[in-house]
Amino acid sequence: MRSSYKKNNYGKVFYDLVRIHKPEKMVELGVLDGYSSLHFAKGLKDNNKGRLYCYDLWDEYNYNHGNFDKVFTMLYNEGVKDRVTLRKGDAFKVHKDWRDNEIDMLHVDISNDGDIVCEILNLWHNKVSKIIAFEGGTQERDNIEWMIKYSKKPILPVLCNNKIIDEEFDIINFLSFPGLILMFKKKYRQGIIK
């Protein structure tokens, strides 16, 4: 199963996030082979509640992409298919399917760069009530081959200079490659810290 997350066992982080924060509705943008989807779904299964809605362009994406049927079969074989809905959809359009504060957790792994992080935040920040997670957020990740080749905007500077983040979120950044940015809604964190 291909995933940049696999080397540093981010699957445990995804599973633990779900077990601790107990989301009822989760959205994932970008699936590839389903590594993060599987671990989120295992957490939902063990919580005995919640559903993950996964969106991907699948074979319509011109670069590295997964196969819908293979991901579906893998989730079925792992016994978590009843917690996941796989859909074909564009990450920059499917936000229209959701009401404000309807989603507890959003995970974004769609060839992230600084521009994508900004655009997704603009489109999705009102839809999410608890946590937004972005793949990336390390200097090493900002300097991988395709980011340099295509002159992509680094993610790290966006984290330090974004009005939505400043006003609405507290950030935790995991620094093991590829990195994981966890953005907790301030209103949510205030509720769990009390």
Protein backbone atom coordinates (compact mmCIF):
# COMPACT_ATOMS: atom_id res chain seq x y z
CA MET A 1 0.00 0.00 0.00
CA ARG A 2 1.60 3.26 -1.15
CA SER A 3 1.70 6.17 1.30
CA SER A 4 4.29 8.69 2.39
CA TYR A 5 2.75 8.30 5.86
CA LYS A 6 3.63 4.62 6.10
CA LYS A 7 7.37 4.90 6.86
CA ASN A 8 6.81 6.77 10.14
CA ASN A 9 3.66 4.86 11.16
CA TYR A 10 1.20 7.74 10.90
CA GLY A 11 -1.53 5.09 10.84
CA LYS A 12 -1.31 4.96 14.64
CA VAL A 13 -1.71 8.76 14.80
CA PHE A 14 -4.83 8.57 12.60
CA TYR A 15 -6.30 5.73 14.63
CA ASP A 16 -5.60 7.50 17.94
CA LEU A 17 -7.07 10.79 16.69
CA VAL A 18 -10.34 9.04 15.94
CA ARG A 19 -10.38 7.09 19.20
CA ILE A 20 -9.74 10.24 21.28
CA HIS A 21 -11.90 12.80 19.46
CA LYS A 22 -14.74 10.44 18.47
CA PRO A 23 -15.84 12.08 15.21
CA GLU A 24 -19.25 11.17 13.86
CA LYS A 25 -18.67 12.57 10.36
CA MET A 26 -15.26 12.66 8.77
CA VAL A 27 -14.22 13.71 5.28
CA GLU A 28 -11.02 12.72 3.53
CA LEU A 29 -9.84 14.50 0.39
CA GLY A 30 -7.35 12.33 -1.48
CA VAL A 31 -7.22 8.57 -0.94
CA LEU A 32 -4.45 7.03 -3.10
CA ASP A 33 -4.34 3.39 -1.86
CA GLY A 34 -6.35 4.02 1.32
CA TYR A 35 -3.64 3.96 4.02
CA SER A 36 -5.09 6.81 6.08
CA SER A 37 -8.66 5.78 5.23
CA LEU A 38 -8.04 2.33 6.67
CA HIS A 39 -6.65 3.64 9.96
CA PHE A 40 -9.39 6.24 10.37
CA ALA A 41 -11.97 3.53 9.68
CA LYS A 42 -10.43 1.17 12.24
CA GLY A 43 -10.77 3.91 14.85
CA LEU A 44 -14.39 4.50 13.89
CA LYS A 45 -15.09 0.77 14.07
CA ASP A 46 -13.57 0.53 17.54
CA ASN A 47 -15.54 3.61 18.63
CA ASN A 48 -18.64 1.83 17.31
CA LYS A 49 -19.81 5.07 15.70
CA GLY A 50 -18.98 7.48 12.94
CA ARG A 51 -18.54 7.44 9.18
CA LEU A 52 -15.70 8.46 6.86
CA TYR A 53 -16.55 9.99 3.47
CA CYS A 54 -13.58 9.70 1.09
CA TYR A 55 -13.33 11.79 -2.06
CA ASP A 56 -10.81 11.26 -4.84
CA LEU A 57 -10.55 11.88 -8.56
CA TRP A 58 -9.23 8.33 -8.93
CA ASP A 59 -8.22 7.65 -12.55
CA GLU A 60 -9.13 11.19 -13.63
CA TYR A 61 -6.11 12.53 -11.71
CA ASN A 62 -3.15 12.77 -14.09
CA TYR A 63 -0.48 12.03 -11.51
CA ASN A 64 -0.11 9.47 -8.71
CA HIS A 65 -3.59 8.06 -8.06
CA GLY A 66 -5.27 5.03 -6.58
CA ASN A 67 -7.85 2.62 -7.91
CA PHE A 68 -11.41 2.83 -6.55
CA ASP A 69 -12.09 -0.93 -6.83
CA LYS A 70 -8.82 -1.89 -5.13
CA VAL A 71 -9.42 0.51 -2.23
CA PHE A 72 -13.01 -0.70 -1.86
CA THR A 73 -11.82 -4.33 -1.80
CA MET A 74 -9.07 -3.57 0.72
CA LEU A 75 -11.52 -1.84 3.10
CA TYR A 76 -13.96 -4.72 2.69
CA ASN A 77 -11.26 -7.33 3.40
CA GLU A 78 -10.13 -5.38 6.48
CA GLY A 79 -13.68 -5.45 7.84
CA VAL A 80 -14.21 -1.68 7.92
CA LYS A 81 -16.21 -1.03 4.74
CA ASP A 82 -19.37 -0.34 6.79
CA ARG A 83 -17.61 2.77 8.21
CA VAL A 84 -16.48 4.23 4.86
CA THR A 85 -18.16 5.75 1.82
CA LEU A 86 -15.91 6.11 -1.24
CA ARG A 87 -16.88 8.79 -3.72
CA LYS A 88 -15.52 10.36 -6.88
CA GLY A 89 -15.27 14.08 -6.41
CA ASP A 90 -13.13 17.19 -6.72
CA ALA A 91 -11.77 18.49 -3.39
CA PHE A 92 -12.42 22.05 -4.52
CA LYS A 93 -16.09 21.41 -5.27
CA VAL A 94 -17.45 18.80 -2.86
CA HIS A 95 -17.48 21.25 0.07
CA LYS A 96 -20.86 22.27 -1.36
CA ASP A 97 -22.21 18.87 -0.23
CA TRP A 98 -21.77 19.80 3.44
CA ARG A 99 -23.38 22.31 5.80
CA ASP A 100 -21.41 24.56 8.14
CA ASN A 101 -20.06 22.67 11.18
CA GLU A 102 -21.42 19.37 9.84
CA ILE A 103 -18.01 17.66 9.68
CA ASP A 104 -16.07 16.82 12.83
CA MET A 105 -12.76 16.06 11.11
CA LEU A 106 -11.28 16.74 7.67
CA HIS A 107 -8.10 15.11 6.31
CA VAL A 108 -6.47 16.56 3.18
CA ASP A 109 -3.82 14.74 1.15
CA ILE A 110 -4.13 15.98 -2.45
CA SER A 111 -0.60 16.87 -3.59
CA ASN A 112 -0.64 19.57 -0.94
CA ASP A 113 1.33 22.77 -1.36
CA GLY A 114 0.94 26.22 0.17
CA ASP A 115 -1.65 27.35 -2.37
CA ILE A 116 -3.74 24.19 -1.88
CA VAL A 117 -3.66 24.58 1.92
CA CYS A 118 -4.91 28.18 1.60
CA GLU A 119 -7.64 27.30 -0.90
CA ILE A 120 -8.89 24.29 1.07
CA LEU A 121 -8.98 26.37 4.26
CA ASN A 122 -11.03 29.05 2.48
CA LEU A 123 -13.53 26.48 1.18
CA TRP A 124 -13.75 24.12 4.16
CA HIS A 125 -13.00 25.96 7.43
CA ASN A 126 -16.68 26.70 8.14
CA LYS A 127 -17.67 23.09 7.40
CA VAL A 128 -15.46 21.61 10.15
CA SER A 129 -16.27 21.73 13.87
CA LYS A 130 -13.19 20.05 15.40
CA ILE A 131 -10.05 19.22 13.39
CA ILE A 132 -8.52 19.77 9.96
CA ALA A 133 -5.45 17.67 9.14
CA PHE A 134 -3.11 18.34 6.21
CA GLU A 135 -0.38 16.05 4.91
CA GLY A 136 2.93 17.96 4.85
CA GLY A 137 4.20 20.84 6.92
CA THR A 138 7.90 20.04 7.21
CA GLN A 139 10.88 21.65 5.53
CA GLU A 140 11.84 18.28 4.06
CA ARG A 141 8.33 17.86 2.56
CA ASP A 142 8.38 21.42 1.17
CA ASN A 143 11.56 20.52 -0.72
CA ILE A 144 10.64 17.19 -2.28
CA GLU A 145 11.34 16.72 -5.98
CA TRP A 146 7.91 17.55 -7.45
CA MET A 147 7.49 20.65 -5.25
CA ILE A 148 10.78 22.03 -6.62
CA LYS A 149 10.25 20.85 -10.20
CA TYR A 150 6.85 22.54 -10.50
CA SER A 151 7.78 25.61 -8.39
CA LYS A 152 5.08 24.87 -5.81
CA LYS A 153 4.54 27.26 -2.92
CA PRO A 154 5.87 25.79 0.36
CA ILE A 155 3.38 24.92 3.10
CA LEU A 156 5.38 26.09 6.12
CA PRO A 157 5.11 29.86 5.42
CA VAL A 158 1.33 29.52 5.04
CA LEU A 159 1.06 28.17 8.58
CA CYS A 160 2.73 31.28 9.96
CA ASN A 161 0.84 33.85 7.93
CA ASN A 162 -2.81 32.96 7.42
CA LYS A 163 -5.74 34.92 8.82
CA ILE A 164 -8.09 31.92 9.04
CA ILE A 165 -5.50 29.89 10.95
CA ASP A 166 -4.70 32.82 13.28
CA GLU A 167 -8.34 33.50 14.12
CA GLU A 168 -9.85 30.01 14.21
CA PHE A 169 -7.23 27.33 14.85
CA ASP A 170 -4.50 26.10 17.17
CA ILE A 171 -1.84 24.05 15.36
CA ILE A 172 0.16 20.97 16.19
CA ASN A 173 2.75 20.01 13.57
CA PHE A 174 4.23 16.50 13.45
CA LEU A 175 7.73 16.81 12.04
CA SER A 176 8.48 13.23 10.95
CA PHE A 177 8.33 13.00 7.16
CA PRO A 178 6.08 13.83 5.42
CA GLY A 179 4.67 15.82 8.30
CA LEU A 180 1.13 16.20 9.52
CA ILE A 181 -0.51 19.49 10.39
CA LEU A 182 -3.33 19.20 12.90
CA MET A 183 -5.50 22.30 13.16
CA PHE A 184 -7.85 22.27 16.13
CA LYS A 185 -10.76 24.69 16.10
CA LYS A 186 -10.19 27.03 19.04
CA LYS A 187 -13.83 26.73 20.12
CA TYR A 188 -13.50 22.94 20.17
CA ARG A 189 -10.22 22.97 22.12
CA GLN A 190 -11.68 25.35 24.70
CA GLY A 191 -14.53 22.89 25.22
CA ILE A 192 -12.28 19.85 25.76
CA ILE A 193 -9.74 21.63 27.97
CA LYS A 194 -12.30 22.91 30.51
